[in-house]
Amino acid sequence: MVRWAAFSCLLVPVVLVVYGTSFGGAAVATLGLVAVTAACRVMLRHSEKAERAAGRLLAAEQSAPGHRGRHSRTGAGAHRGCHGSGGISPHD
């Protein structure tokens, strides 16, 4: 992706000069493209680092001991369908 950005930063001024824009105008356009490309590259690197950090955090949370998952429960109330301690129910 960076190669395409560098290619466009070189190609656009050439095309502008060929189609009659002054060298000064082409230079200003080139500087603008270089600035935008550099800003995009910085933001892309930042988002990649944040994504990697989030992945590591998620992996650490999933491998934590004692974690049984979202729907696993232990202790009282673990069997939600159970209706008591074995006594006689009104249906008997």
N, C-alpha and C. Protein backbone atom coordinates (compact mmCIF):
# COMPACT_ATOMS: atom_id res chain seq x y z
N MET A 1 0.82 -1.18 0.00
CA MET A 1 0.00 0.00 0.00
C MET A 1 0.87 1.25 0.00
N VAL A 2 1.96 1.21 0.73
CA VAL A 2 2.85 2.36 0.78
C VAL A 2 3.52 2.57 -0.57
N ARG A 3 3.78 1.50 -1.28
CA ARG A 3 4.38 1.64 -2.61
C ARG A 3 3.45 2.36 -3.56
N TRP A 4 2.15 2.02 -3.50
CA TRP A 4 1.19 2.71 -4.35
C TRP A 4 1.10 4.18 -3.99
N ALA A 5 1.17 4.50 -2.71
CA ALA A 5 1.13 5.90 -2.27
C ALA A 5 2.35 6.65 -2.80
N ALA A 6 3.52 6.04 -2.71
CA ALA A 6 4.73 6.68 -3.22
C ALA A 6 4.65 6.84 -4.74
N PHE A 7 4.13 5.84 -5.40
CA PHE A 7 3.96 5.91 -6.86
C PHE A 7 3.04 7.07 -7.23
N SER A 8 1.92 7.21 -6.50
CA SER A 8 1.00 8.32 -6.83
C SER A 8 1.61 9.67 -6.52
N CYS A 9 2.40 9.74 -5.45
CA CYS A 9 3.05 11.01 -5.13
C CYS A 9 4.02 11.43 -6.22
N LEU A 10 4.55 10.48 -6.95
CA LEU A 10 5.45 10.79 -8.06
C LEU A 10 4.69 10.98 -9.37
N LEU A 11 3.63 10.23 -9.55
CA LEU A 11 2.90 10.27 -10.82
C LEU A 11 2.04 11.52 -10.95
N VAL A 12 1.38 11.93 -9.88
CA VAL A 12 0.45 13.06 -9.95
C VAL A 12 1.14 14.35 -10.41
N PRO A 13 2.30 14.72 -9.87
CA PRO A 13 2.93 15.96 -10.36
C PRO A 13 3.32 15.88 -11.85
N VAL A 14 3.76 14.70 -12.27
CA VAL A 14 4.12 14.53 -13.68
C VAL A 14 2.89 14.76 -14.56
N VAL A 15 1.78 14.16 -14.18
CA VAL A 15 0.54 14.32 -14.95
C VAL A 15 0.09 15.78 -14.92
N LEU A 16 0.20 16.43 -13.77
CA LEU A 16 -0.21 17.83 -13.68
C LEU A 16 0.64 18.72 -14.60
N VAL A 17 1.94 18.48 -14.63
CA VAL A 17 2.81 19.28 -15.49
C VAL A 17 2.51 18.99 -16.96
N VAL A 18 2.28 17.74 -17.30
CA VAL A 18 1.97 17.38 -18.68
C VAL A 18 0.69 18.07 -19.14
N TYR A 19 -0.28 18.17 -18.25
CA TYR A 19 -1.56 18.80 -18.62
C TYR A 19 -1.58 20.31 -18.40
N GLY A 20 -0.43 20.92 -18.19
CA GLY A 20 -0.35 22.37 -18.21
C GLY A 20 -0.28 23.08 -16.87
N THR A 21 -0.24 22.37 -15.77
CA THR A 21 -0.10 23.03 -14.46
C THR A 21 1.35 23.49 -14.32
N SER A 22 1.54 24.58 -13.62
CA SER A 22 2.90 25.08 -13.41
C SER A 22 3.68 24.14 -12.50
N PHE A 23 5.00 24.29 -12.55
CA PHE A 23 5.84 23.47 -11.67
C PHE A 23 5.56 23.79 -10.21
N GLY A 24 5.28 25.04 -9.91
CA GLY A 24 4.97 25.43 -8.54
C GLY A 24 3.68 24.77 -8.05
N GLY A 25 2.66 24.77 -8.91
CA GLY A 25 1.39 24.12 -8.55
C GLY A 25 1.56 22.63 -8.37
N ALA A 26 2.36 22.01 -9.24
CA ALA A 26 2.63 20.58 -9.11
C ALA A 26 3.41 20.28 -7.84
N ALA A 27 4.33 21.19 -7.48
CA ALA A 27 5.12 21.00 -6.25
C ALA A 27 4.22 21.10 -5.02
N VAL A 28 3.29 22.04 -5.02
CA VAL A 28 2.36 22.17 -3.90
C VAL A 28 1.47 20.93 -3.79
N ALA A 29 1.00 20.44 -4.92
CA ALA A 29 0.18 19.23 -4.93
C ALA A 29 0.99 18.04 -4.41
N THR A 30 2.24 17.96 -4.80
CA THR A 30 3.11 16.88 -4.34
C THR A 30 3.31 16.95 -2.83
N LEU A 31 3.54 18.15 -2.31
CA LEU A 31 3.72 18.30 -0.86
C LEU A 31 2.44 17.92 -0.12
N GLY A 32 1.30 18.30 -0.65
CA GLY A 32 0.03 17.91 -0.03
C GLY A 32 -0.16 16.40 -0.02
N LEU A 33 0.13 15.76 -1.14
CA LEU A 33 0.01 14.30 -1.21
C LEU A 33 0.97 13.61 -0.25
N VAL A 34 2.18 14.12 -0.16
CA VAL A 34 3.17 13.53 0.75
C VAL A 34 2.69 13.68 2.20
N ALA A 35 2.13 14.82 2.54
CA ALA A 35 1.64 15.04 3.90
C ALA A 35 0.48 14.10 4.23
N VAL A 36 -0.45 13.98 3.30
CA VAL A 36 -1.60 13.08 3.53
C VAL A 36 -1.13 11.63 3.62
N THR A 37 -0.21 11.24 2.75
CA THR A 37 0.32 9.88 2.78
C THR A 37 1.02 9.59 4.10
N ALA A 38 1.81 10.53 4.58
CA ALA A 38 2.52 10.34 5.84
C ALA A 38 1.54 10.24 7.01
N ALA A 39 0.52 11.08 7.01
CA ALA A 39 -0.48 11.02 8.09
C ALA A 39 -1.22 9.69 8.07
N CYS A 40 -1.59 9.22 6.89
CA CYS A 40 -2.28 7.92 6.78
C CYS A 40 -1.39 6.78 7.24
N ARG A 41 -0.12 6.87 6.91
CA ARG A 41 0.81 5.82 7.33
C ARG A 41 0.95 5.78 8.84
N VAL A 42 1.03 6.96 9.46
CA VAL A 42 1.13 7.03 10.93
C VAL A 42 -0.13 6.45 11.57
N MET A 43 -1.30 6.82 11.06
CA MET A 43 -2.55 6.30 11.63
C MET A 43 -2.67 4.79 11.43
N LEU A 44 -2.22 4.30 10.28
CA LEU A 44 -2.27 2.86 10.03
C LEU A 44 -1.38 2.11 11.00
N ARG A 45 -0.17 2.61 11.22
CA ARG A 45 0.74 1.96 12.18
C ARG A 45 0.15 1.99 13.60
N HIS A 46 -0.45 3.11 13.96
CA HIS A 46 -1.05 3.23 15.29
C HIS A 46 -2.20 2.22 15.46
N SER A 47 -3.04 2.09 14.45
CA SER A 47 -4.16 1.15 14.55
C SER A 47 -3.68 -0.29 14.57
N GLU A 48 -2.60 -0.59 13.86
CA GLU A 48 -2.05 -1.95 13.89
C GLU A 48 -1.52 -2.28 15.27
N LYS A 49 -0.86 -1.33 15.90
CA LYS A 49 -0.34 -1.55 17.26
C LYS A 49 -1.48 -1.74 18.24
N ALA A 50 -2.52 -0.93 18.11
CA ALA A 50 -3.68 -1.05 19.00
C ALA A 50 -4.38 -2.39 18.80
N GLU A 51 -4.46 -2.84 17.55
CA GLU A 51 -5.11 -4.12 17.27
C GLU A 51 -4.31 -5.27 17.87
N ARG A 52 -2.99 -5.20 17.75
CA ARG A 52 -2.15 -6.25 18.33
C ARG A 52 -2.28 -6.27 19.86
N ALA A 53 -2.30 -5.09 20.47
CA ALA A 53 -2.44 -5.01 21.92
C ALA A 53 -3.79 -5.56 22.37
N ALA A 54 -4.84 -5.26 21.64
CA ALA A 54 -6.17 -5.78 21.98
C ALA A 54 -6.21 -7.30 21.83
N GLY A 55 -5.55 -7.82 20.82
CA GLY A 55 -5.48 -9.27 20.64
C GLY A 55 -4.75 -9.95 21.78
N ARG A 56 -3.66 -9.34 22.22
CA ARG A 56 -2.92 -9.92 23.36
C ARG A 56 -3.75 -9.89 24.63
N LEU A 57 -4.48 -8.79 24.84
CA LEU A 57 -5.32 -8.67 26.02
C LEU A 57 -6.43 -9.71 25.99
N LEU A 58 -7.06 -9.89 24.84
CA LEU A 58 -8.12 -10.88 24.71
C LEU A 58 -7.59 -12.29 24.94
N ALA A 59 -6.41 -12.58 24.40
CA ALA A 59 -5.82 -13.90 24.59
C ALA A 59 -5.49 -14.14 26.07
N ALA A 60 -5.02 -13.11 26.75
CA ALA A 60 -4.71 -13.24 28.17
C ALA A 60 -5.97 -13.47 28.99
N GLU A 61 -7.05 -12.79 28.64
CA GLU A 61 -8.30 -12.98 29.36
C GLU A 61 -8.87 -14.37 29.15
N GLN A 62 -8.75 -14.89 27.95
CA GLN A 62 -9.30 -16.21 27.65
C GLN A 62 -8.49 -17.33 28.28
N SER A 63 -7.22 -17.10 28.53
CA SER A 63 -6.40 -18.15 29.12
C SER A 63 -6.30 -18.01 30.64
N ALA A 64 -7.03 -17.09 31.24
CA ALA A 64 -6.98 -16.90 32.69
C ALA A 64 -7.56 -18.14 33.38
N PRO A 65 -6.92 -18.61 34.46
CA PRO A 65 -7.43 -19.79 35.15
C PRO A 65 -8.75 -19.50 35.86
N GLY A 66 -9.61 -20.49 35.88
CA GLY A 66 -10.88 -20.37 36.57
C GLY A 66 -11.98 -19.77 35.72
N HIS A 67 -11.67 -19.34 34.56
CA HIS A 67 -12.70 -18.75 33.70
C HIS A 67 -13.39 -19.87 32.93
N ARG A 68 -14.70 -20.00 33.09
CA ARG A 68 -15.42 -21.11 32.50
C ARG A 68 -16.21 -20.70 31.27
N GLY A 69 -16.17 -19.49 30.88
CA GLY A 69 -16.92 -19.06 29.71
C GLY A 69 -18.14 -18.28 30.11
N ARG A 70 -18.82 -17.76 29.14
CA ARG A 70 -19.93 -16.86 29.39
C ARG A 70 -21.13 -17.55 30.01
N HIS A 71 -21.45 -18.76 29.57
CA HIS A 71 -22.68 -19.42 30.01
C HIS A 71 -22.46 -20.49 31.07
N SER A 72 -21.23 -20.75 31.45
CA SER A 72 -20.98 -21.76 32.47
C SER A 72 -21.14 -21.15 33.84
N ARG A 73 -21.84 -21.85 34.70
CA ARG A 73 -22.05 -21.36 36.06
C ARG A 73 -21.74 -22.51 37.03
N THR A 74 -21.30 -22.13 38.21
CA THR A 74 -21.04 -23.13 39.24
C THR A 74 -21.76 -22.70 40.50
N GLY A 75 -21.91 -23.63 41.42
CA GLY A 75 -22.53 -23.31 42.70
C GLY A 75 -24.04 -23.32 42.63
N ALA A 76 -24.68 -22.63 43.60
CA ALA A 76 -26.14 -22.62 43.69
C ALA A 76 -26.73 -21.99 42.44
N GLY A 77 -27.77 -22.60 41.95
CA GLY A 77 -28.45 -22.09 40.78
C GLY A 77 -27.84 -22.54 39.47
N ALA A 78 -26.90 -23.47 39.55
CA ALA A 78 -26.23 -23.91 38.34
C ALA A 78 -27.21 -24.66 37.42
N HIS A 79 -28.13 -25.38 38.01
CA HIS A 79 -29.12 -26.12 37.22
C HIS A 79 -30.44 -25.38 37.33
N ARG A 80 -30.69 -24.56 36.39
CA ARG A 80 -31.86 -23.69 36.48
C ARG A 80 -33.17 -24.45 36.41
N GLY A 81 -33.18 -25.64 35.84
CA GLY A 81 -34.42 -26.40 35.70
C GLY A 81 -34.76 -27.23 36.92
N CYS A 82 -33.88 -27.32 37.88
CA CYS A 82 -34.10 -28.12 39.08
C CYS A 82 -35.12 -27.44 39.98
N HIS A 83 -36.11 -28.20 40.49
CA HIS A 83 -37.19 -27.61 41.27
C HIS A 83 -37.15 -27.91 42.75
N GLY A 84 -36.04 -28.15 43.31
CA GLY A 84 -36.02 -28.36 44.75
C GLY A 84 -35.08 -29.46 45.15
N SER A 85 -35.24 -29.93 46.43
CA SER A 85 -34.31 -30.89 46.99
C SER A 85 -34.83 -32.31 46.92
N GLY A 86 -35.75 -32.60 46.08
CA GLY A 86 -36.24 -33.96 45.95
C GLY A 86 -37.53 -34.24 46.68
N GLY A 87 -38.15 -33.22 47.23
CA GLY A 87 -39.41 -33.38 47.94
C GLY A 87 -40.56 -33.66 46.98
N ILE A 88 -41.73 -33.83 47.52
CA ILE A 88 -42.91 -34.13 46.70
C ILE A 88 -43.38 -32.83 46.05
N SER A 89 -43.58 -32.88 44.77
CA SER A 89 -44.05 -31.69 44.06
C SER A 89 -45.56 -31.76 43.91
N PRO A 90 -46.21 -30.66 43.62
CA PRO A 90 -47.68 -30.67 43.46
C PRO A 90 -48.13 -31.55 42.30
N HIS A 91 -47.25 -31.91 41.41
CA HIS A 91 -47.61 -32.74 40.26
C HIS A 91 -47.63 -34.22 40.61
N ASP A 92 -47.11 -34.63 41.77
CA ASP A 92 -47.04 -36.06 42.13
C ASP A 92 -48.34 -36.56 42.62
